Every structure is written in C-alpha cells, then in structure tokens.
Amino acid sequence: MAAKGGKSSKKEDASASLTLAAITELLEKHRAALATEFKTSFSRLDSKLEQTRLAVEDHGQRVSSLELATEDLSQRVIDLEGIFSTLHDDNTRLFSYKRISSS
C-alpha cells in the first residue's frame, strides 16, 4: 500500500505543480491586463488634468486682463469726476457772477 500512496503522491505533486503553473500564468495575465488598464486610465487622467490646467491658466489670464481694464476704467471715472467737479464749480461761480452783475 505504501507504493500506491507514493505514486498517488507523485501525481498530486504533478497536478499541484501544473495547477501552480497555471495559476502563476493566469496571475501574470491579470497583472499585465491591470497594468495596461492603469496606464490607460492614468493617460486619460493626465490628459484631463492638462486640459483643466490650461483652462485655469486661461481663466487666470482673463481675470488679470479684466482687473487691468477695471483699474483703467476706475481711473478714468476718477478723472471724469474731477473734471465734473471743476466744471460744476466754474458753472456755479459763473451763475453767481451773473446774478451779481444783473443786480
């Protein structure tokens, strides 16, 4: 009976080795597939992040441009208010002078 057990043990070892080899091959295939999937996913993510970075950079430039335009317009309004104030004062003095001259 010992001989039969020895032969059976060798068959089990061979089956276990084949099974281990098959499992190792299957795991390698899965690893390769996962690696490819990760690379594809990271590539897509990189592309989307680059698009987002470019959009943010463009928006930053637009905001800077709008800030400069706003500062320019603000200065122009201040200048116009100064001119208006001067003209208003001159107009008030002219009307006052006209009233004094008419009297």
N, C-alpha and C. Protein backbone atom coordinates (compact mmCIF):
# COMPACT_ATOMS: atom_id res chain seq x y z
N MET A 1 0.80 -1.19 0.00
CA MET A 1 0.00 0.00 0.00
C MET A 1 0.84 1.25 0.00
N ALA A 2 2.00 1.10 0.53
CA ALA A 2 2.88 2.26 0.57
C ALA A 2 3.25 2.68 -0.83
N ALA A 3 3.40 1.70 -1.77
CA ALA A 3 3.78 2.02 -3.14
C ALA A 3 2.68 2.80 -3.83
N LYS A 4 1.48 2.42 -3.61
CA LYS A 4 0.37 3.12 -4.22
C LYS A 4 0.29 4.54 -3.70
N GLY A 5 0.53 4.68 -2.41
CA GLY A 5 0.50 6.03 -1.82
C GLY A 5 1.58 6.89 -2.41
N GLY A 6 2.74 6.30 -2.71
CA GLY A 6 3.85 7.05 -3.30
C GLY A 6 3.51 7.52 -4.69
N LYS A 7 2.91 6.66 -5.51
CA LYS A 7 2.53 7.03 -6.86
C LYS A 7 1.45 8.09 -6.84
N SER A 8 0.51 7.93 -5.99
CA SER A 8 -0.56 8.91 -5.86
C SER A 8 -0.01 10.26 -5.43
N SER A 9 0.95 10.24 -4.56
CA SER A 9 1.58 11.47 -4.08
C SER A 9 2.30 12.17 -5.21
N LYS A 10 2.98 11.40 -6.08
CA LYS A 10 3.68 11.99 -7.22
C LYS A 10 2.69 12.63 -8.19
N LYS A 11 1.54 11.97 -8.41
CA LYS A 11 0.52 12.52 -9.29
C LYS A 11 -0.04 13.81 -8.70
N GLU A 12 -0.26 13.81 -7.40
CA GLU A 12 -0.77 15.01 -6.74
C GLU A 12 0.23 16.15 -6.85
N ASP A 13 1.53 15.80 -6.68
CA ASP A 13 2.58 16.82 -6.81
C ASP A 13 2.60 17.38 -8.23
N ALA A 14 2.45 16.49 -9.23
CA ALA A 14 2.43 16.93 -10.62
C ALA A 14 1.21 17.80 -10.88
N SER A 15 0.06 17.39 -10.36
CA SER A 15 -1.17 18.17 -10.53
C SER A 15 -1.03 19.51 -9.83
N ALA A 16 -0.45 19.48 -8.65
CA ALA A 16 -0.25 20.72 -7.89
C ALA A 16 0.70 21.64 -8.63
N SER A 17 1.75 21.08 -9.22
CA SER A 17 2.71 21.88 -9.98
C SER A 17 2.05 22.47 -11.21
N LEU A 18 1.27 21.68 -11.92
CA LEU A 18 0.57 22.20 -13.10
C LEU A 18 -0.44 23.27 -12.68
N THR A 19 -1.10 23.01 -11.64
CA THR A 19 -2.08 23.97 -11.15
C THR A 19 -1.36 25.25 -10.72
N LEU A 20 -0.25 25.10 -10.03
CA LEU A 20 0.52 26.26 -9.61
C LEU A 20 1.04 27.03 -10.82
N ALA A 21 1.50 26.30 -11.83
CA ALA A 21 1.98 26.93 -13.06
C ALA A 21 0.83 27.65 -13.77
N ALA A 22 -0.33 27.00 -13.81
CA ALA A 22 -1.49 27.61 -14.45
C ALA A 22 -1.93 28.86 -13.69
N ILE A 23 -1.92 28.76 -12.38
CA ILE A 23 -2.29 29.91 -11.55
C ILE A 23 -1.30 31.05 -11.74
N THR A 24 -0.02 30.70 -11.78
CA THR A 24 1.02 31.72 -11.98
C THR A 24 0.84 32.40 -13.34
N GLU A 25 0.55 31.61 -14.37
CA GLU A 25 0.33 32.17 -15.71
C GLU A 25 -0.90 33.07 -15.72
N LEU A 26 -1.96 32.61 -15.09
CA LEU A 26 -3.19 33.39 -15.02
C LEU A 26 -2.97 34.70 -14.26
N LEU A 27 -2.26 34.62 -13.16
CA LEU A 27 -1.95 35.83 -12.39
C LEU A 27 -1.10 36.81 -13.21
N GLU A 28 -0.17 36.28 -13.97
CA GLU A 28 0.68 37.14 -14.82
C GLU A 28 -0.17 37.83 -15.89
N LYS A 29 -1.13 37.09 -16.47
CA LYS A 29 -2.02 37.68 -17.47
C LYS A 29 -2.86 38.79 -16.84
N HIS A 30 -3.37 38.53 -15.66
CA HIS A 30 -4.18 39.55 -14.95
C HIS A 30 -3.33 40.76 -14.59
N ARG A 31 -2.09 40.50 -14.16
CA ARG A 31 -1.20 41.61 -13.82
C ARG A 31 -0.94 42.48 -15.04
N ALA A 32 -0.68 41.84 -16.17
CA ALA A 32 -0.42 42.59 -17.40
C ALA A 32 -1.66 43.38 -17.83
N ALA A 33 -2.83 42.75 -17.71
CA ALA A 33 -4.07 43.44 -18.08
C ALA A 33 -4.32 44.64 -17.15
N LEU A 34 -4.09 44.45 -15.87
CA LEU A 34 -4.27 45.55 -14.92
C LEU A 34 -3.26 46.68 -15.18
N ALA A 35 -2.03 46.30 -15.48
CA ALA A 35 -1.01 47.31 -15.77
C ALA A 35 -1.42 48.14 -16.99
N THR A 36 -1.90 47.47 -18.02
CA THR A 36 -2.35 48.18 -19.23
C THR A 36 -3.54 49.09 -18.91
N GLU A 37 -4.47 48.57 -18.14
CA GLU A 37 -5.65 49.37 -17.76
C GLU A 37 -5.24 50.58 -16.92
N PHE A 38 -4.32 50.39 -15.99
CA PHE A 38 -3.83 51.52 -15.18
C PHE A 38 -3.14 52.56 -16.05
N LYS A 39 -2.30 52.10 -16.98
CA LYS A 39 -1.61 53.04 -17.86
C LYS A 39 -2.60 53.84 -18.68
N THR A 40 -3.62 53.17 -19.21
CA THR A 40 -4.64 53.86 -19.99
C THR A 40 -5.40 54.86 -19.13
N SER A 41 -5.77 54.44 -17.93
CA SER A 41 -6.51 55.33 -17.03
C SER A 41 -5.66 56.54 -16.63
N PHE A 42 -4.39 56.31 -16.32
CA PHE A 42 -3.51 57.42 -15.95
C PHE A 42 -3.29 58.36 -17.12
N SER A 43 -3.21 57.79 -18.32
CA SER A 43 -3.02 58.61 -19.52
C SER A 43 -4.24 59.51 -19.71
N ARG A 44 -5.44 58.96 -19.57
CA ARG A 44 -6.67 59.76 -19.68
C ARG A 44 -6.73 60.82 -18.60
N LEU A 45 -6.37 60.44 -17.40
CA LEU A 45 -6.37 61.38 -16.28
C LEU A 45 -5.38 62.50 -16.52
N ASP A 46 -4.19 62.17 -16.99
CA ASP A 46 -3.19 63.20 -17.32
C ASP A 46 -3.73 64.16 -18.36
N SER A 47 -4.40 63.62 -19.36
CA SER A 47 -4.96 64.46 -20.43
C SER A 47 -6.02 65.41 -19.86
N LYS A 48 -6.90 64.88 -19.03
CA LYS A 48 -7.94 65.72 -18.44
C LYS A 48 -7.35 66.77 -17.50
N LEU A 49 -6.35 66.38 -16.74
CA LEU A 49 -5.70 67.33 -15.84
C LEU A 49 -4.99 68.44 -16.63
N GLU A 50 -4.40 68.09 -17.75
CA GLU A 50 -3.74 69.08 -18.60
C GLU A 50 -4.77 70.06 -19.17
N GLN A 51 -5.91 69.53 -19.60
CA GLN A 51 -6.98 70.39 -20.10
C GLN A 51 -7.47 71.33 -19.00
N THR A 52 -7.61 70.80 -17.80
CA THR A 52 -8.05 71.61 -16.67
C THR A 52 -7.02 72.68 -16.33
N ARG A 53 -5.74 72.30 -16.35
CA ARG A 53 -4.67 73.26 -16.07
C ARG A 53 -4.68 74.39 -17.10
N LEU A 54 -4.85 74.02 -18.37
CA LEU A 54 -4.88 75.05 -19.41
C LEU A 54 -6.08 75.97 -19.25
N ALA A 55 -7.23 75.40 -18.88
CA ALA A 55 -8.43 76.22 -18.67
C ALA A 55 -8.23 77.18 -17.49
N VAL A 56 -7.65 76.68 -16.40
CA VAL A 56 -7.40 77.52 -15.23
C VAL A 56 -6.41 78.62 -15.58
N GLU A 57 -5.38 78.28 -16.34
CA GLU A 57 -4.39 79.27 -16.75
C GLU A 57 -5.04 80.34 -17.63
N ASP A 58 -5.90 79.91 -18.55
CA ASP A 58 -6.62 80.85 -19.42
C ASP A 58 -7.52 81.75 -18.60
N HIS A 59 -8.23 81.18 -17.65
CA HIS A 59 -9.11 81.98 -16.79
C HIS A 59 -8.31 82.97 -15.95
N GLY A 60 -7.14 82.55 -15.50
CA GLY A 60 -6.27 83.45 -14.74
C GLY A 60 -5.85 84.64 -15.58
N GLN A 61 -5.52 84.38 -16.84
CA GLN A 61 -5.13 85.47 -17.73
C GLN A 61 -6.30 86.40 -17.99
N ARG A 62 -7.48 85.82 -18.16
CA ARG A 62 -8.68 86.65 -18.39
C ARG A 62 -8.99 87.51 -17.17
N VAL A 63 -8.88 86.93 -16.00
CA VAL A 63 -9.14 87.69 -14.77
C VAL A 63 -8.14 88.83 -14.65
N SER A 64 -6.88 88.55 -14.93
CA SER A 64 -5.86 89.61 -14.87
C SER A 64 -6.18 90.72 -15.86
N SER A 65 -6.60 90.34 -17.05
CA SER A 65 -6.96 91.32 -18.07
C SER A 65 -8.16 92.16 -17.61
N LEU A 66 -9.15 91.50 -17.02
CA LEU A 66 -10.33 92.22 -16.52
C LEU A 66 -9.96 93.15 -15.37
N GLU A 67 -9.04 92.72 -14.52
CA GLU A 67 -8.60 93.58 -13.42
C GLU A 67 -7.92 94.83 -13.95
N LEU A 68 -7.07 94.67 -14.96
CA LEU A 68 -6.40 95.82 -15.55
C LEU A 68 -7.40 96.77 -16.20
N ALA A 69 -8.37 96.21 -16.91
CA ALA A 69 -9.39 97.05 -17.55
C ALA A 69 -10.21 97.78 -16.50
N THR A 70 -10.54 97.10 -15.41
CA THR A 70 -11.31 97.72 -14.34
C THR A 70 -10.53 98.85 -13.68
N GLU A 71 -9.25 98.63 -13.46
CA GLU A 71 -8.42 99.68 -12.88
C GLU A 71 -8.35 100.89 -13.81
N ASP A 72 -8.22 100.64 -15.11
CA ASP A 72 -8.18 101.73 -16.08
C ASP A 72 -9.49 102.50 -16.07
N LEU A 73 -10.61 101.78 -16.10
CA LEU A 73 -11.91 102.45 -16.08
C LEU A 73 -12.13 103.20 -14.78
N SER A 74 -11.69 102.63 -13.68
CA SER A 74 -11.82 103.30 -12.39
C SER A 74 -11.05 104.62 -12.39
N GLN A 75 -9.85 104.59 -12.93
CA GLN A 75 -9.04 105.82 -13.00
C GLN A 75 -9.72 106.85 -13.91
N ARG A 76 -10.30 106.39 -15.00
CA ARG A 76 -10.99 107.31 -15.90
C ARG A 76 -12.21 107.94 -15.22
N VAL A 77 -12.94 107.16 -14.43
CA VAL A 77 -14.09 107.70 -13.71
C VAL A 77 -13.62 108.74 -12.69
N ILE A 78 -12.53 108.44 -11.99
CA ILE A 78 -11.98 109.41 -11.03
C ILE A 78 -11.60 110.70 -11.74
N ASP A 79 -10.95 110.57 -12.90
CA ASP A 79 -10.58 111.76 -13.67
C ASP A 79 -11.82 112.55 -14.11
N LEU A 80 -12.83 111.83 -14.59
CA LEU A 80 -14.07 112.50 -15.02
C LEU A 80 -14.78 113.17 -13.85
N GLU A 81 -14.77 112.54 -12.69
CA GLU A 81 -15.38 113.17 -11.52
C GLU A 81 -14.65 114.46 -11.16
N GLY A 82 -13.32 114.44 -11.27
CA GLY A 82 -12.54 115.65 -11.01
C GLY A 82 -12.89 116.76 -12.00
N ILE A 83 -12.97 116.40 -13.27
CA ILE A 83 -13.33 117.39 -14.29
C ILE A 83 -14.74 117.91 -14.04
N PHE A 84 -15.67 117.01 -13.74
CA PHE A 84 -17.04 117.42 -13.46
C PHE A 84 -17.08 118.38 -12.28
N SER A 85 -16.35 118.05 -11.23
CA SER A 85 -16.33 118.91 -10.04
C SER A 85 -15.82 120.30 -10.40
N THR A 86 -14.73 120.35 -11.18
CA THR A 86 -14.17 121.64 -11.60
C THR A 86 -15.19 122.41 -12.44
N LEU A 87 -15.80 121.75 -13.41
CA LEU A 87 -16.80 122.40 -14.26
C LEU A 87 -18.02 122.85 -13.46
N HIS A 88 -18.42 122.03 -12.52
CA HIS A 88 -19.56 122.39 -11.67
C HIS A 88 -19.24 123.64 -10.85
N ASP A 89 -18.04 123.67 -10.28
CA ASP A 89 -17.62 124.85 -9.50
C ASP A 89 -17.56 126.09 -10.39
N ASP A 90 -16.99 125.93 -11.59
CA ASP A 90 -16.92 127.06 -12.52
C ASP A 90 -18.31 127.54 -12.90
N ASN A 91 -19.19 126.60 -13.16
CA ASN A 91 -20.56 126.93 -13.54
C ASN A 91 -21.27 127.66 -12.40
N THR A 92 -21.08 127.19 -11.19
CA THR A 92 -21.69 127.83 -10.03
C THR A 92 -21.18 129.26 -9.87
N ARG A 93 -19.87 129.46 -10.03
CA ARG A 93 -19.29 130.81 -9.93
C ARG A 93 -19.81 131.72 -11.04
N LEU A 94 -19.96 131.18 -12.25
CA LEU A 94 -20.47 131.99 -13.36
C LEU A 94 -21.90 132.44 -13.10
N PHE A 95 -22.72 131.52 -12.61
CA PHE A 95 -24.10 131.92 -12.31
C PHE A 95 -24.14 132.93 -11.17
N SER A 96 -23.27 132.73 -10.19
CA SER A 96 -23.20 133.69 -9.09
C SER A 96 -22.75 135.05 -9.61
N TYR A 97 -21.76 135.07 -10.50
CA TYR A 97 -21.26 136.33 -11.06
C TYR A 97 -22.35 136.98 -11.89
N LYS A 98 -23.11 136.17 -12.65
CA LYS A 98 -24.18 136.70 -13.48
C LYS A 98 -25.25 137.34 -12.62
N ARG A 99 -25.57 136.73 -11.52
CA ARG A 99 -26.60 137.27 -10.61
C ARG A 99 -26.12 138.59 -10.00
N ILE A 100 -24.83 138.59 -9.62
CA ILE A 100 -24.28 139.82 -9.02
C ILE A 100 -24.24 140.92 -10.07
N SER A 101 -23.87 140.58 -11.31
CA SER A 101 -23.78 141.57 -12.36
C SER A 101 -25.16 142.07 -12.76
N SER A 102 -26.17 141.24 -12.71
CA SER A 102 -27.52 141.61 -13.08
C SER A 102 -28.16 142.51 -12.03
N SER A 103 -27.74 142.38 -10.84
CA SER A 103 -28.37 143.16 -9.76
C SER A 103 -27.98 144.57 -9.77
